[in-house]
Protein backbone atom coordinates (compact mmCIF):
# COMPACT_ATOMS: atom_id res chain seq x y z
CA MET A 1 -44.71 -5.66 83.28
CA ASN A 2 -44.09 -9.31 82.42
CA GLU A 3 -40.63 -10.67 81.69
CA ARG A 4 -41.06 -10.73 77.90
CA ALA A 5 -42.19 -7.10 77.77
CA ARG A 6 -39.34 -6.09 80.07
CA MET A 7 -36.75 -7.76 77.83
CA SER A 8 -38.31 -6.14 74.75
CA SER A 9 -38.02 -2.68 76.32
CA ILE A 10 -34.41 -3.36 77.28
CA SER A 11 -33.51 -4.39 73.71
CA ILE A 12 -35.14 -1.28 72.24
CA LEU A 13 -33.59 1.13 74.75
CA PRO A 14 -30.02 1.03 73.35
CA ILE A 15 -31.19 1.83 69.81
CA VAL A 16 -33.40 4.67 71.05
CA SER A 17 -30.54 6.12 73.10
CA SER A 18 -28.20 6.00 70.07
CA VAL A 19 -30.75 7.91 67.99
CA LEU A 20 -31.22 10.43 70.81
CA ALA A 21 -27.43 10.87 71.01
CA ILE A 22 -27.41 11.80 67.32
CA VAL A 23 -30.31 14.23 67.77
CA MET A 24 -28.61 15.88 70.75
CA ALA A 25 -25.37 16.21 68.77
CA PHE A 26 -27.26 18.03 66.01
CA VAL A 27 -28.93 20.30 68.58
CA ILE A 28 -25.61 21.18 70.23
CA GLY A 29 -24.02 21.65 66.81
CA GLY A 30 -26.85 24.00 65.83
CA ILE A 31 -26.35 26.03 69.00
CA PHE A 32 -22.64 26.28 68.15
CA LEU A 33 -23.45 27.57 64.65
CA GLU A 34 -25.97 30.12 65.92
CA ALA A 35 -23.50 31.32 68.56
CA ASN A 36 -21.01 31.96 65.76
CA GLY A 37 -23.47 33.95 63.67
CA LYS A 38 -24.39 31.16 61.23
CA ASP A 39 -27.85 30.04 60.17
CA ALA A 40 -28.06 26.52 61.61
CA LEU A 41 -31.34 25.62 59.86
CA HIS A 42 -29.97 26.73 56.51
CA ALA A 43 -26.77 24.71 57.07
CA TYR A 44 -28.68 21.58 58.03
CA ARG A 45 -31.03 22.00 55.07
CA ILE A 46 -28.02 22.01 52.75
CA LEU A 47 -26.63 18.96 54.55
CA PHE A 48 -29.81 16.94 54.01
CA GLU A 49 -30.50 18.22 50.50
CA ARG A 50 -27.01 17.37 49.28
CA GLY A 51 -26.74 13.98 50.97
CA LEU A 52 -30.31 12.67 50.69
CA VAL A 53 -32.54 14.68 48.34
CA ASN A 54 -30.21 15.53 45.48
CA GLY A 55 -29.90 12.59 43.06
CA ASP A 56 -26.16 12.98 42.49
CA GLY A 57 -25.59 13.46 46.19
CA LEU A 58 -27.54 10.31 47.04
CA THR A 59 -25.43 8.38 44.53
CA GLU A 60 -22.28 9.71 46.17
CA THR A 61 -23.67 8.70 49.56
CA PHE A 62 -24.07 5.10 48.41
CA LYS A 63 -20.57 5.13 46.89
CA LYS A 64 -19.12 6.39 50.16
CA MET A 65 -21.14 3.77 52.02
CA ALA A 66 -19.24 0.87 50.39
CA PRO A 67 -15.81 1.39 52.06
CA MET A 68 -17.54 2.60 55.22
CA LEU A 69 -19.35 -0.73 55.57
CA ILE A 70 -16.18 -2.76 55.02
CA VAL A 71 -14.08 -0.71 57.44
CA SER A 72 -16.81 -0.81 60.10
CA ALA A 73 -17.30 -4.57 59.74
CA GLY A 74 -13.60 -5.11 60.42
CA LEU A 75 -13.55 -2.66 63.31
CA LEU A 76 -16.52 -4.41 64.89
CA ILE A 77 -14.53 -7.67 64.96
CA ALA A 78 -11.70 -5.94 66.82
CA LEU A 79 -13.93 -4.09 69.27
CA ARG A 80 -16.01 -7.17 70.08
CA ALA A 81 -12.69 -8.71 71.17
CA SER A 82 -11.90 -5.50 73.10
CA VAL A 83 -9.00 -4.68 70.77
CA TRP A 84 -8.62 -1.00 69.90
CA ASN A 85 -7.32 -0.69 66.35
CA ILE A 86 -6.61 3.02 65.90
CA GLY A 87 -4.49 2.26 62.81
CA ILE A 88 -7.33 1.64 60.35
CA ASP A 89 -6.43 4.65 58.20
CA GLY A 90 -2.87 3.43 57.76
CA GLN A 91 -4.03 -0.09 56.92
CA PHE A 92 -6.54 1.37 54.47
CA MET A 93 -3.83 3.41 52.71
CA VAL A 94 -1.38 0.51 52.41
CA GLY A 95 -4.14 -1.74 51.07
CA ALA A 96 -5.25 0.90 48.58
CA LEU A 97 -1.70 1.48 47.37
CA LEU A 98 -0.96 -2.22 46.79
CA ALA A 99 -4.37 -2.74 45.17
CA GLY A 100 -3.76 0.17 42.80
CA VAL A 101 -0.30 -1.10 41.83
CA ALA A 102 -1.42 -4.73 41.40
CA GLY A 103 -4.60 -3.81 39.52
CA ALA A 104 -2.84 -1.48 37.09
CA ALA A 105 -0.07 -4.06 36.50
CA VAL A 106 -2.47 -6.74 35.23
CA ALA A 107 -5.27 -4.57 33.80
CA GLY A 108 -5.85 -5.40 30.14
CA SER A 109 -3.78 -8.59 30.23
CA VAL A 110 -6.25 -10.70 32.25
CA PRO A 111 -10.07 -10.75 32.41
CA ASN A 112 -11.51 -8.00 34.56
CA PRO A 113 -12.95 -10.28 37.27
CA LEU A 114 -9.50 -11.83 37.74
CA MET A 115 -7.92 -8.37 37.87
CA TRP A 116 -10.41 -7.29 40.54
CA LEU A 117 -9.64 -10.41 42.55
CA ILE A 118 -5.87 -9.86 42.30
CA ALA A 119 -6.23 -6.21 43.37
CA ALA A 120 -8.57 -7.15 46.24
CA VAL A 121 -6.18 -9.83 47.51
CA ALA A 122 -3.30 -7.35 47.28
CA GLY A 123 -5.31 -4.84 49.32
CA ILE A 124 -6.20 -7.45 51.94
CA ILE A 125 -2.57 -8.54 52.23
CA GLY A 126 -1.45 -4.92 52.56
CA GLY A 127 -3.93 -4.21 55.36
CA MET A 128 -3.01 -7.43 57.15
CA LEU A 129 0.72 -6.77 56.92
CA TRP A 130 0.26 -3.32 58.44
CA ALA A 131 -1.71 -4.85 61.32
CA VAL A 132 0.69 -7.76 61.95
CA ILE A 133 3.36 -5.60 63.63
CA PRO A 134 1.10 -4.11 66.34
CA ALA A 135 -0.59 -7.52 66.75
CA LEU A 136 2.76 -9.20 67.44
CA LEU A 137 3.80 -6.40 69.80
CA MET A 138 0.52 -6.77 71.66
CA VAL A 139 0.66 -10.57 71.94
CA LYS A 140 4.40 -11.10 72.52
CA PHE A 141 5.32 -8.02 74.57
CA ASN A 142 1.92 -6.90 75.92
CA LEU A 143 2.34 -3.47 74.35
CA ASN A 144 -0.82 -1.37 74.21
CA GLU A 145 -2.31 -1.66 70.73
CA ILE A 146 -3.80 1.83 70.95
CA ILE A 147 -0.31 3.36 70.88
CA THR A 148 1.26 1.00 68.33
CA THR A 149 -1.59 1.15 65.82
CA LEU A 150 -1.76 4.94 66.10
CA MET A 151 1.97 5.24 65.44
CA MET A 152 1.68 2.92 62.44
CA ASN A 153 -0.70 5.45 60.87
CA TYR A 154 2.09 8.03 60.67
CA VAL A 155 4.51 5.45 59.30
CA ALA A 156 1.96 4.46 56.64
CA VAL A 157 1.47 8.06 55.50
CA ASN A 158 5.19 8.55 54.95
CA VAL A 159 5.90 5.10 53.48
CA CYS A 160 3.02 5.40 51.01
CA ALA A 161 4.10 8.93 50.05
CA TRP A 162 7.67 7.72 49.42
CA LEU A 163 6.52 4.72 47.36
CA VAL A 164 4.09 6.70 45.22
CA LYS A 165 6.71 9.38 44.59
CA GLY A 166 9.41 6.80 43.88
CA PRO A 167 9.22 3.10 42.93
CA PHE A 168 5.45 3.01 42.22
CA ARG A 169 5.17 6.39 40.49
CA ASP A 170 3.60 6.71 37.05
CA SER A 171 6.34 8.55 35.15
CA SER A 172 3.95 9.59 32.37
CA VAL A 173 2.25 12.22 34.55
CA VAL A 174 3.54 15.10 36.64
CA ALA A 175 1.52 14.47 39.80
CA PRO A 176 2.85 11.72 42.08
CA GLN A 177 0.46 8.80 41.62
CA THR A 178 0.36 5.16 40.61
CA LYS A 179 -0.50 4.03 37.10
CA GLN A 180 -4.19 4.51 36.41
CA ILE A 181 -6.57 1.59 36.00
CA PRO A 182 -8.60 2.31 32.83
CA LEU A 183 -12.18 3.41 33.45
CA ALA A 184 -13.54 0.47 31.45
CA ASP A 185 -11.71 -1.99 33.71
CA ARG A 186 -13.05 -0.70 37.02
CA LEU A 187 -15.92 -2.18 39.01
CA PRO A 188 -19.19 -2.11 37.05
CA PHE A 189 -22.33 -0.39 38.25
CA ILE A 190 -25.21 -2.14 39.96
CA PRO A 191 -27.87 -2.46 37.22
CA GLY A 192 -30.13 0.58 37.08
CA THR A 193 -27.81 2.72 39.22
CA GLU A 194 -24.55 4.63 39.04
CA VAL A 195 -23.22 2.92 42.17
CA HIS A 196 -20.49 0.34 41.67
CA ILE A 197 -20.82 -3.25 42.91
CA GLY A 198 -18.40 -2.51 45.73
CA LEU A 199 -21.52 -1.59 47.74
CA ILE A 200 -22.66 -5.21 47.44
CA VAL A 201 -19.24 -6.32 48.68
CA GLY A 202 -19.68 -4.06 51.71
CA LEU A 203 -23.09 -5.52 52.48
CA LEU A 204 -21.70 -9.05 52.14
CA CYS A 205 -18.91 -8.18 54.59
CA VAL A 206 -21.49 -7.11 57.17
CA VAL A 207 -23.47 -10.33 56.66
CA VAL A 208 -20.30 -12.42 57.02
CA VAL A 209 -19.43 -10.69 60.30
CA ALA A 210 -23.00 -11.20 61.55
CA ILE A 211 -22.73 -14.93 60.80
CA LEU A 212 -19.30 -15.01 62.43
CA PHE A 213 -20.69 -13.85 65.77
CA ARG A 214 -24.02 -15.66 65.56
CA SER A 215 -22.95 -19.09 64.37
CA THR A 216 -19.24 -19.80 64.85
CA VAL A 217 -17.11 -20.89 67.78
CA TYR A 218 -14.45 -18.36 66.80
CA GLY A 219 -16.95 -15.49 67.07
CA PHE A 220 -18.15 -16.76 70.44
CA CYS A 221 -14.57 -16.92 71.72
CA LEU A 222 -13.93 -13.34 70.56
CA ASP A 223 -17.00 -12.22 72.48
CA VAL A 224 -15.81 -14.01 75.62
CA VAL A 225 -12.39 -12.35 75.34
CA GLY A 226 -14.01 -8.96 74.85
CA ARG A 227 -16.44 -9.27 77.72
CA ASN A 228 -14.09 -10.64 80.36
CA ARG A 229 -10.48 -11.39 79.50
CA LYS A 230 -9.69 -12.92 82.90
CA ALA A 231 -12.61 -15.33 82.56
CA ALA A 232 -11.39 -16.26 79.08
CA ILE A 233 -7.92 -17.03 80.46
CA HIS A 234 -9.38 -19.20 83.22
CA ALA A 235 -11.48 -21.01 80.62
CA GLY A 236 -8.29 -21.93 78.76
CA LEU A 237 -8.92 -19.81 75.66
CA PRO A 238 -5.84 -18.66 73.69
CA VAL A 239 -6.52 -15.03 74.54
CA GLY A 240 -3.38 -13.63 72.92
CA ARG A 241 -3.94 -15.40 69.62
CA LEU A 242 -7.62 -14.47 69.54
CA ALA A 243 -6.92 -10.79 70.21
CA GLY A 244 -4.06 -10.75 67.68
CA SER A 245 -6.19 -12.43 65.02
CA ALA A 246 -8.99 -9.91 65.60
CA LEU A 247 -6.54 -7.06 65.00
CA ILE A 248 -5.18 -8.67 61.84
CA LEU A 249 -8.68 -9.39 60.54
CA CYS A 250 -9.59 -5.76 61.13
CA GLY A 251 -6.55 -4.75 59.09
CA ALA A 252 -7.58 -7.14 56.30
CA PHE A 253 -11.01 -5.51 56.08
CA ALA A 254 -9.42 -2.05 56.04
CA GLY A 255 -7.15 -3.12 53.18
CA LEU A 256 -10.14 -4.52 51.29
CA ALA A 257 -11.93 -1.20 51.76
CA GLY A 258 -8.91 0.55 50.23
CA ALA A 259 -9.00 -1.81 47.25
CA ASN A 260 -12.74 -1.19 46.94
CA ASP A 261 -12.23 2.57 46.71
CA VAL A 262 -9.42 2.24 44.17
CA LEU A 263 -11.24 -0.25 41.94
CA GLY A 264 -14.60 1.46 42.19
CA ILE A 265 -13.87 5.20 42.19
CA GLN A 266 -10.26 6.40 42.27
CA GLY A 267 -8.63 4.07 39.73
CA LEU A 268 -5.23 4.90 41.24
CA PHE A 269 -3.45 5.92 44.42
CA LYS A 270 -2.38 9.54 44.83
CA ALA A 271 0.21 10.89 47.23
CA ASN A 272 -1.23 12.11 50.54
CA TRP A 273 -4.67 10.66 49.75
CA ASP A 274 -6.38 9.73 53.00
CA PRO A 275 -10.22 9.76 53.21
CA GLY A 276 -10.05 9.26 56.99
CA TYR A 277 -12.65 6.52 57.37
CA GLY A 278 -11.00 5.07 60.48
CA PHE A 279 -12.09 7.54 63.14
CA THR A 280 -15.55 7.91 61.60
CA ALA A 281 -15.91 4.13 61.84
CA PHE A 282 -15.48 4.28 65.63
CA ALA A 283 -18.47 6.60 65.98
CA LEU A 284 -20.43 4.44 63.55
CA VAL A 285 -19.74 1.11 65.26
CA TYR A 286 -20.44 2.41 68.76
CA LEU A 287 -23.69 4.13 67.78
CA ALA A 288 -24.68 0.82 66.15
CA ARG A 289 -24.07 -0.70 69.61
CA LEU A 290 -21.56 -3.19 68.21
CA ASN A 291 -24.46 -4.88 66.41
CA SER A 292 -23.43 -6.32 63.04
CA LEU A 293 -26.61 -5.67 61.05
CA LEU A 294 -27.16 -2.20 62.53
CA LEU A 295 -23.94 -1.18 60.78
CA ILE A 296 -25.92 -0.87 57.53
CA PRO A 297 -28.30 1.99 58.46
CA PHE A 298 -25.62 3.79 60.47
CA ALA A 299 -23.12 3.46 57.60
CA PHE A 300 -25.69 5.10 55.33
CA PHE A 301 -26.19 7.88 57.89
CA PHE A 302 -22.48 8.65 58.26
CA SER A 303 -21.94 8.45 54.49
CA PHE A 304 -24.67 11.00 53.90
CA LEU A 305 -23.13 13.12 56.65
CA LEU A 306 -19.75 13.14 54.88
CA VAL A 307 -21.23 13.84 51.43
CA GLY A 308 -23.61 16.54 52.63
CA GLY A 309 -20.94 18.04 54.84
CA ASP A 310 -18.70 18.69 51.84
CA SER A 311 -21.17 21.33 50.57
CA MET A 312 -21.74 23.11 53.87
CA PRO A 313 -18.52 25.20 53.96
CA ARG A 314 -19.15 26.62 50.46
CA ARG A 315 -22.92 27.10 50.53
CA ALA A 316 -23.53 27.86 54.22
CA ASP A 317 -20.19 29.35 55.29
CA VAL A 318 -19.82 26.62 57.90
CA PRO A 319 -16.34 25.70 59.21
CA THR A 320 -14.77 22.75 57.39
CA TYR A 321 -14.29 20.93 60.69
CA PHE A 322 -18.00 21.03 61.54
CA VAL A 323 -18.86 17.46 60.44
CA GLY A 324 -15.91 16.11 62.41
CA MET A 325 -17.11 18.09 65.41
CA LEU A 326 -20.59 16.59 64.99
CA GLU A 327 -19.11 13.09 65.06
CA GLY A 328 -17.26 13.93 68.26
CA LEU A 329 -20.42 15.33 69.83
CA MET A 330 -22.25 12.13 68.91
CA LEU A 331 -19.68 10.07 70.78
CA ILE A 332 -19.89 12.36 73.83
CA CYS A 333 -23.69 12.20 73.85
CA PHE A 334 -23.46 8.44 73.33
CA ALA A 335 -21.21 8.09 76.38
CA VAL A 336 -23.72 10.04 78.45
CA ALA A 337 -26.54 7.83 77.13
CA VAL A 338 -24.66 4.64 78.09
CA TYR A 339 -24.06 6.00 81.59
CA LEU A 340 -27.75 6.81 82.00
CA GLU A 341 -28.68 3.34 80.73
CA ARG A 342 -26.47 1.72 83.33
CA ARG A 343 -27.99 3.84 86.08
CA TRP A 344 -31.47 2.92 84.84
CA HIS A 345 -30.63 -0.80 84.93
CA ALA A 346 -29.17 -0.51 88.42
CA ILE A 347 -32.25 1.32 89.74
CA SER A 348 -34.60 -1.15 88.05
CA GLU A 349 -32.81 -4.13 89.59
CA ARG A 350 -32.86 -2.47 93.01
CA ILE A 351 -36.62 -1.79 92.77
CA ARG A 352 -37.26 -5.43 91.90
CA GLY A 353 -35.14 -6.45 94.87
CA ARG A 354 -32.46 -8.15 92.75
CA PRO A 355 -28.79 -7.16 92.74
CA ASP A 356 -27.23 -5.94 89.53
CA ASP A 357 -25.19 -9.07 88.93
CA ARG A 358 -23.85 -8.29 85.50
CA ILE A 359 -20.19 -9.16 84.98
CA GLU A 360 -18.13 -6.11 84.18
CA PRO A 361 -15.88 -6.64 81.18
CA GLU A 362 -12.16 -6.52 81.82
CA SER A 363 -9.21 -6.15 79.51
CA SER A 364 -5.53 -6.29 80.26
CA SER A 365 -4.60 -4.29 77.16
CA GLY A 366 -6.84 -1.28 77.57
CA PRO A 367 -10.41 -0.15 78.23
CA SER A 368 -13.04 -2.67 77.25
CA ALA A 369 -14.93 -1.87 74.09
CA LEU A 370 -17.99 -3.65 75.48
CA GLU A 371 -18.27 -1.88 78.81
CA GLY A 372 -21.77 -0.58 79.39
CA LEU A 373 -23.06 -1.83 76.04
CA GLU A 374 -25.86 -4.29 75.41
CA ILE A 375 -24.94 -6.23 72.29
CA SER A 376 -26.88 -8.43 69.96
CA SER A 377 -25.29 -9.98 66.91
């Protein structure tokens, strides 16, 4: 096999292994259902019919895809810098709350595009503010961002609940919620569809992140930090500032995703509302192999999984936690696939008589997000 063919097979292998990880997760999930007396084929048929075949379900899949793309694009920035932002859900909620309050405050008094911009900026600021604290703790005191961002999720849930039940509450309704943005003032549909233009925003976010890592010095520096933090320090890169900025940028994208959901679908922020995109985004980004443009098909897949999974408990008597379990199985199968890939590379290099001289990524703040992964922007 010549060198070009060998490199082509190596580039295809990660994608194939990600797809196989998904297939194996579905197989294991089906065995679990059958072992519990459920009809796995019937459950999966409902999953695919609701999320892909049914017209309304497909529309809901594309609507769900919009915030999923934005959240995943931000998470990819953090993970490429080997920063583990577990606080995406909290940043999403704070961004959604501020976007709902800001949008409702100016709706009707300014043109709709300006109102959307104000709400989006409010959401971005909210997500960034909620990421600043763990970023500062990570940079200044070397505190593990996994712990601090996770704890900030719980703070966000309670702070948002207090605000929506108190200062930001719409007193004209009984349920604790912010003032509603009128339906006519929300994001318009893409022509010929019933999907709002927030999906286009999500696609643009992915393209921007792809350009960031393909064509900018900042993106290159983030990659260097993520692959080998000690090498980045020796090269004189401002590692702390780069890692902190990646975390804050991830929070900004999460806040924008919250604004997207409020402006496009919800129209308000309700107490205890948490769609839980954060942990799903981890499975999505890793199965996409930290590749910017591969986020698009995998975001569609996970969106369909969430939409179709909503019908499974009612129509197939499947446990409500089954979709979450599937996502976990995908990550486990993915980890096995990465291990096998690394073994395959090591054996191949040994057969050709060349040592496996790849540099193992290192990170002083936690496990490297890039370890074992082959990445292309």
